[in-house]
Amino acid sequence: MTKADIVASIADETGLERNEVLKTVESFMASVKDSLSKGENVYLRGFGSFIVKERAEKTGRNISKNTSIIIPAHNVPAFKPSKTFVEEVKSSVKVD
């Protein structure tokens, strides 16, 4: 599902204009990005949490030059679904 699909689905369900829904979805994404870039986690009860994970410094390999490089410690965004979200997905998705 793409952002356009999400906007179309919400517009159909609510009867709102697609342009308004698109602005709302983009504003939500911008708010999440801004919070995470400030180091603040975003908690959505019943859905999940957008969190900042800290990656430790580690040694990597540059395969083309066959040398070791140090990858500095850094932060990455992550999503952790809520327990109810996980259970709902587990019970509804059929694997063949």
N, C-alpha and C. Protein backbone atom coordinates (compact mmCIF):
# COMPACT_ATOMS: atom_id res chain seq x y z
N MET A 1 0.85 -1.17 0.00
CA MET A 1 0.00 0.00 0.00
C MET A 1 0.89 1.23 0.00
N THR A 2 0.59 2.16 -0.87
CA THR A 2 1.37 3.40 -0.98
C THR A 2 0.65 4.54 -0.26
N LYS A 3 1.34 5.67 -0.17
CA LYS A 3 0.72 6.84 0.46
C LYS A 3 -0.54 7.24 -0.31
N ALA A 4 -0.50 7.16 -1.63
CA ALA A 4 -1.67 7.50 -2.44
C ALA A 4 -2.84 6.56 -2.13
N ASP A 5 -2.53 5.28 -1.92
CA ASP A 5 -3.58 4.31 -1.57
C ASP A 5 -4.19 4.64 -0.21
N ILE A 6 -3.34 5.02 0.73
CA ILE A 6 -3.82 5.37 2.07
C ILE A 6 -4.73 6.60 1.99
N VAL A 7 -4.29 7.61 1.24
CA VAL A 7 -5.08 8.83 1.09
C VAL A 7 -6.42 8.51 0.44
N ALA A 8 -6.42 7.69 -0.59
CA ALA A 8 -7.66 7.33 -1.28
C ALA A 8 -8.60 6.57 -0.35
N SER A 9 -8.05 5.66 0.43
CA SER A 9 -8.86 4.87 1.36
C SER A 9 -9.50 5.75 2.42
N ILE A 10 -8.72 6.64 3.01
CA ILE A 10 -9.25 7.53 4.05
C ILE A 10 -10.29 8.48 3.45
N ALA A 11 -10.03 9.00 2.26
CA ALA A 11 -10.98 9.90 1.61
C ALA A 11 -12.29 9.19 1.33
N ASP A 12 -12.23 7.95 0.89
CA ASP A 12 -13.44 7.18 0.62
C ASP A 12 -14.22 6.89 1.90
N GLU A 13 -13.50 6.54 2.97
CA GLU A 13 -14.17 6.20 4.24
C GLU A 13 -14.80 7.41 4.91
N THR A 14 -14.12 8.56 4.82
CA THR A 14 -14.59 9.73 5.56
C THR A 14 -15.42 10.69 4.71
N GLY A 15 -15.29 10.61 3.40
CA GLY A 15 -15.99 11.55 2.53
C GLY A 15 -15.30 12.89 2.41
N LEU A 16 -14.09 13.00 2.92
CA LEU A 16 -13.32 14.24 2.82
C LEU A 16 -12.64 14.33 1.45
N GLU A 17 -12.26 15.55 1.08
CA GLU A 17 -11.53 15.76 -0.17
C GLU A 17 -10.15 15.10 -0.07
N ARG A 18 -9.69 14.55 -1.19
CA ARG A 18 -8.38 13.89 -1.20
C ARG A 18 -7.25 14.86 -0.88
N ASN A 19 -7.37 16.11 -1.34
CA ASN A 19 -6.32 17.10 -1.06
C ASN A 19 -6.19 17.36 0.44
N GLU A 20 -7.33 17.43 1.14
CA GLU A 20 -7.31 17.66 2.58
C GLU A 20 -6.71 16.46 3.31
N VAL A 21 -7.08 15.27 2.87
CA VAL A 21 -6.54 14.05 3.49
C VAL A 21 -5.04 13.97 3.24
N LEU A 22 -4.60 14.30 2.03
CA LEU A 22 -3.17 14.29 1.71
C LEU A 22 -2.40 15.25 2.60
N LYS A 23 -2.93 16.46 2.81
CA LYS A 23 -2.28 17.43 3.69
C LYS A 23 -2.18 16.88 5.11
N THR A 24 -3.24 16.22 5.57
CA THR A 24 -3.26 15.66 6.92
C THR A 24 -2.23 14.55 7.07
N VAL A 25 -2.19 13.64 6.10
CA VAL A 25 -1.24 12.52 6.15
C VAL A 25 0.20 13.06 6.10
N GLU A 26 0.46 14.01 5.22
CA GLU A 26 1.81 14.57 5.13
C GLU A 26 2.19 15.34 6.39
N SER A 27 1.22 16.02 7.00
CA SER A 27 1.49 16.72 8.26
C SER A 27 1.81 15.74 9.37
N PHE A 28 1.08 14.61 9.41
CA PHE A 28 1.36 13.57 10.40
C PHE A 28 2.79 13.04 10.22
N MET A 29 3.14 12.73 8.97
CA MET A 29 4.49 12.20 8.72
C MET A 29 5.56 13.23 9.09
N ALA A 30 5.32 14.49 8.79
CA ALA A 30 6.28 15.54 9.14
C ALA A 30 6.42 15.67 10.65
N SER A 31 5.31 15.55 11.37
CA SER A 31 5.36 15.63 12.84
C SER A 31 6.16 14.48 13.43
N VAL A 32 5.97 13.28 12.88
CA VAL A 32 6.72 12.11 13.36
C VAL A 32 8.21 12.31 13.07
N LYS A 33 8.54 12.75 11.85
CA LYS A 33 9.95 12.98 11.49
C LYS A 33 10.59 14.03 12.40
N ASP A 34 9.87 15.13 12.64
CA ASP A 34 10.41 16.20 13.49
C ASP A 34 10.66 15.70 14.91
N SER A 35 9.71 14.94 15.45
CA SER A 35 9.87 14.42 16.80
C SER A 35 11.07 13.48 16.89
N LEU A 36 11.18 12.58 15.92
CA LEU A 36 12.29 11.63 15.94
C LEU A 36 13.63 12.32 15.74
N SER A 37 13.66 13.35 14.89
CA SER A 37 14.93 14.06 14.68
C SER A 37 15.36 14.82 15.93
N LYS A 38 14.41 15.15 16.81
CA LYS A 38 14.74 15.79 18.09
C LYS A 38 15.06 14.76 19.17
N GLY A 39 14.95 13.47 18.84
CA GLY A 39 15.22 12.43 19.81
C GLY A 39 14.01 12.04 20.64
N GLU A 40 12.84 12.53 20.27
CA GLU A 40 11.61 12.24 21.00
C GLU A 40 10.87 11.08 20.32
N ASN A 41 10.46 10.09 21.10
CA ASN A 41 9.68 8.97 20.57
C ASN A 41 8.22 9.39 20.41
N VAL A 42 7.51 8.71 19.50
CA VAL A 42 6.10 8.98 19.25
C VAL A 42 5.31 7.72 19.61
N TYR A 43 4.37 7.84 20.54
CA TYR A 43 3.59 6.69 21.01
C TYR A 43 2.15 6.84 20.55
N LEU A 44 1.64 5.83 19.84
CA LEU A 44 0.26 5.81 19.38
C LEU A 44 -0.41 4.59 19.99
N ARG A 45 -1.18 4.79 21.05
CA ARG A 45 -1.80 3.70 21.79
C ARG A 45 -2.65 2.83 20.86
N GLY A 46 -2.44 1.53 20.93
CA GLY A 46 -3.19 0.58 20.12
C GLY A 46 -2.61 0.38 18.73
N PHE A 47 -1.63 1.18 18.35
CA PHE A 47 -1.01 1.07 17.03
C PHE A 47 0.46 0.69 17.16
N GLY A 48 1.24 1.53 17.84
CA GLY A 48 2.65 1.24 18.02
C GLY A 48 3.42 2.49 18.36
N SER A 49 4.74 2.35 18.34
CA SER A 49 5.62 3.46 18.70
C SER A 49 6.68 3.66 17.62
N PHE A 50 6.89 4.92 17.27
CA PHE A 50 8.02 5.29 16.42
C PHE A 50 9.11 5.69 17.39
N ILE A 51 10.24 4.99 17.35
CA ILE A 51 11.29 5.21 18.34
C ILE A 51 12.62 5.47 17.65
N VAL A 52 13.54 6.05 18.41
CA VAL A 52 14.90 6.27 17.95
C VAL A 52 15.77 5.21 18.61
N LYS A 53 16.44 4.40 17.79
CA LYS A 53 17.34 3.38 18.31
C LYS A 53 18.77 3.86 18.13
N GLU A 54 19.58 3.57 19.14
CA GLU A 54 20.99 3.94 19.07
C GLU A 54 21.80 2.74 18.60
N ARG A 55 22.59 2.93 17.57
CA ARG A 55 23.48 1.89 17.08
C ARG A 55 24.89 2.18 17.61
N ALA A 56 25.52 1.17 18.14
CA ALA A 56 26.86 1.33 18.70
C ALA A 56 27.90 1.41 17.58
N GLU A 57 29.05 1.95 17.92
CA GLU A 57 30.16 1.97 16.96
C GLU A 57 30.57 0.53 16.66
N LYS A 58 30.91 0.27 15.40
CA LYS A 58 31.33 -1.08 15.04
C LYS A 58 32.34 -1.03 13.91
N THR A 59 33.00 -2.16 13.72
CA THR A 59 33.97 -2.30 12.65
C THR A 59 33.30 -2.96 11.45
N GLY A 60 33.46 -2.36 10.28
CA GLY A 60 32.90 -2.90 9.05
C GLY A 60 34.00 -3.18 8.06
N ARG A 61 33.61 -3.69 6.91
CA ARG A 61 34.59 -4.01 5.87
C ARG A 61 34.26 -3.27 4.59
N ASN A 62 35.27 -2.70 3.97
CA ASN A 62 35.15 -2.15 2.62
C ASN A 62 35.62 -3.26 1.70
N ILE A 63 34.68 -3.96 1.09
CA ILE A 63 35.00 -5.15 0.31
C ILE A 63 35.85 -4.82 -0.91
N SER A 64 35.57 -3.70 -1.57
CA SER A 64 36.31 -3.37 -2.79
C SER A 64 37.78 -3.08 -2.52
N LYS A 65 38.10 -2.50 -1.36
CA LYS A 65 39.50 -2.19 -1.02
C LYS A 65 40.08 -3.20 -0.04
N ASN A 66 39.24 -4.11 0.46
CA ASN A 66 39.66 -5.13 1.43
C ASN A 66 40.30 -4.49 2.66
N THR A 67 39.60 -3.49 3.22
CA THR A 67 40.10 -2.81 4.41
C THR A 67 39.00 -2.77 5.47
N SER A 68 39.41 -2.58 6.71
CA SER A 68 38.45 -2.42 7.79
C SER A 68 38.16 -0.93 7.97
N ILE A 69 36.91 -0.62 8.28
CA ILE A 69 36.54 0.76 8.55
C ILE A 69 35.74 0.79 9.85
N ILE A 70 35.79 1.91 10.52
CA ILE A 70 35.03 2.11 11.75
C ILE A 70 33.72 2.82 11.38
N ILE A 71 32.62 2.20 11.71
CA ILE A 71 31.31 2.82 11.50
C ILE A 71 30.94 3.48 12.83
N PRO A 72 30.82 4.81 12.84
CA PRO A 72 30.57 5.50 14.11
C PRO A 72 29.18 5.19 14.67
N ALA A 73 29.01 5.43 15.96
CA ALA A 73 27.71 5.27 16.60
C ALA A 73 26.74 6.24 15.96
N HIS A 74 25.50 5.80 15.78
CA HIS A 74 24.50 6.65 15.15
C HIS A 74 23.10 6.23 15.59
N ASN A 75 22.14 7.09 15.32
CA ASN A 75 20.74 6.82 15.65
C ASN A 75 19.97 6.49 14.38
N VAL A 76 19.01 5.57 14.51
CA VAL A 76 18.16 5.20 13.38
C VAL A 76 16.70 5.17 13.84
N PRO A 77 15.77 5.56 12.97
CA PRO A 77 14.36 5.47 13.34
C PRO A 77 13.88 4.03 13.24
N ALA A 78 12.91 3.67 14.08
CA ALA A 78 12.36 2.32 14.06
C ALA A 78 10.89 2.38 14.46
N PHE A 79 10.15 1.33 14.13
CA PHE A 79 8.75 1.23 14.50
C PHE A 79 8.56 -0.04 15.31
N LYS A 80 7.90 0.07 16.44
CA LYS A 80 7.59 -1.09 17.27
C LYS A 80 6.08 -1.18 17.38
N PRO A 81 5.46 -2.20 16.76
CA PRO A 81 4.00 -2.31 16.83
C PRO A 81 3.53 -2.69 18.22
N SER A 82 2.30 -2.28 18.55
CA SER A 82 1.73 -2.62 19.85
C SER A 82 1.35 -4.10 19.87
N LYS A 83 1.15 -4.64 21.06
CA LYS A 83 0.79 -6.05 21.20
C LYS A 83 -0.53 -6.35 20.50
N THR A 84 -1.50 -5.44 20.62
CA THR A 84 -2.79 -5.68 19.98
C THR A 84 -2.66 -5.66 18.46
N PHE A 85 -1.81 -4.80 17.94
CA PHE A 85 -1.56 -4.72 16.51
C PHE A 85 -0.94 -6.04 16.02
N VAL A 86 0.06 -6.52 16.74
CA VAL A 86 0.73 -7.77 16.37
C VAL A 86 -0.25 -8.93 16.39
N GLU A 87 -1.06 -9.01 17.44
CA GLU A 87 -2.03 -10.11 17.54
C GLU A 87 -3.06 -10.06 16.43
N GLU A 88 -3.50 -8.86 16.08
CA GLU A 88 -4.49 -8.71 15.00
C GLU A 88 -3.91 -9.17 13.66
N VAL A 89 -2.65 -8.82 13.39
CA VAL A 89 -2.00 -9.24 12.15
C VAL A 89 -1.79 -10.75 12.15
N LYS A 90 -1.35 -11.29 13.27
CA LYS A 90 -1.12 -12.74 13.36
C LYS A 90 -2.40 -13.53 13.09
N SER A 91 -3.51 -13.06 13.63
CA SER A 91 -4.74 -13.80 13.51
C SER A 91 -5.43 -13.63 12.16
N SER A 92 -5.11 -12.56 11.43
CA SER A 92 -5.83 -12.31 10.18
C SER A 92 -5.06 -12.68 8.93
N VAL A 93 -3.73 -12.72 8.97
CA VAL A 93 -2.95 -13.01 7.79
C VAL A 93 -2.76 -14.52 7.67
N LYS A 94 -3.17 -15.05 6.54
CA LYS A 94 -3.04 -16.49 6.26
C LYS A 94 -1.81 -16.71 5.39
N VAL A 95 -0.94 -17.62 5.80
CA VAL A 95 0.25 -17.95 5.02
C VAL A 95 0.01 -19.28 4.33
N ASP A 96 0.17 -19.29 3.01
CA ASP A 96 -0.03 -20.52 2.24
C ASP A 96 1.25 -21.21 1.92
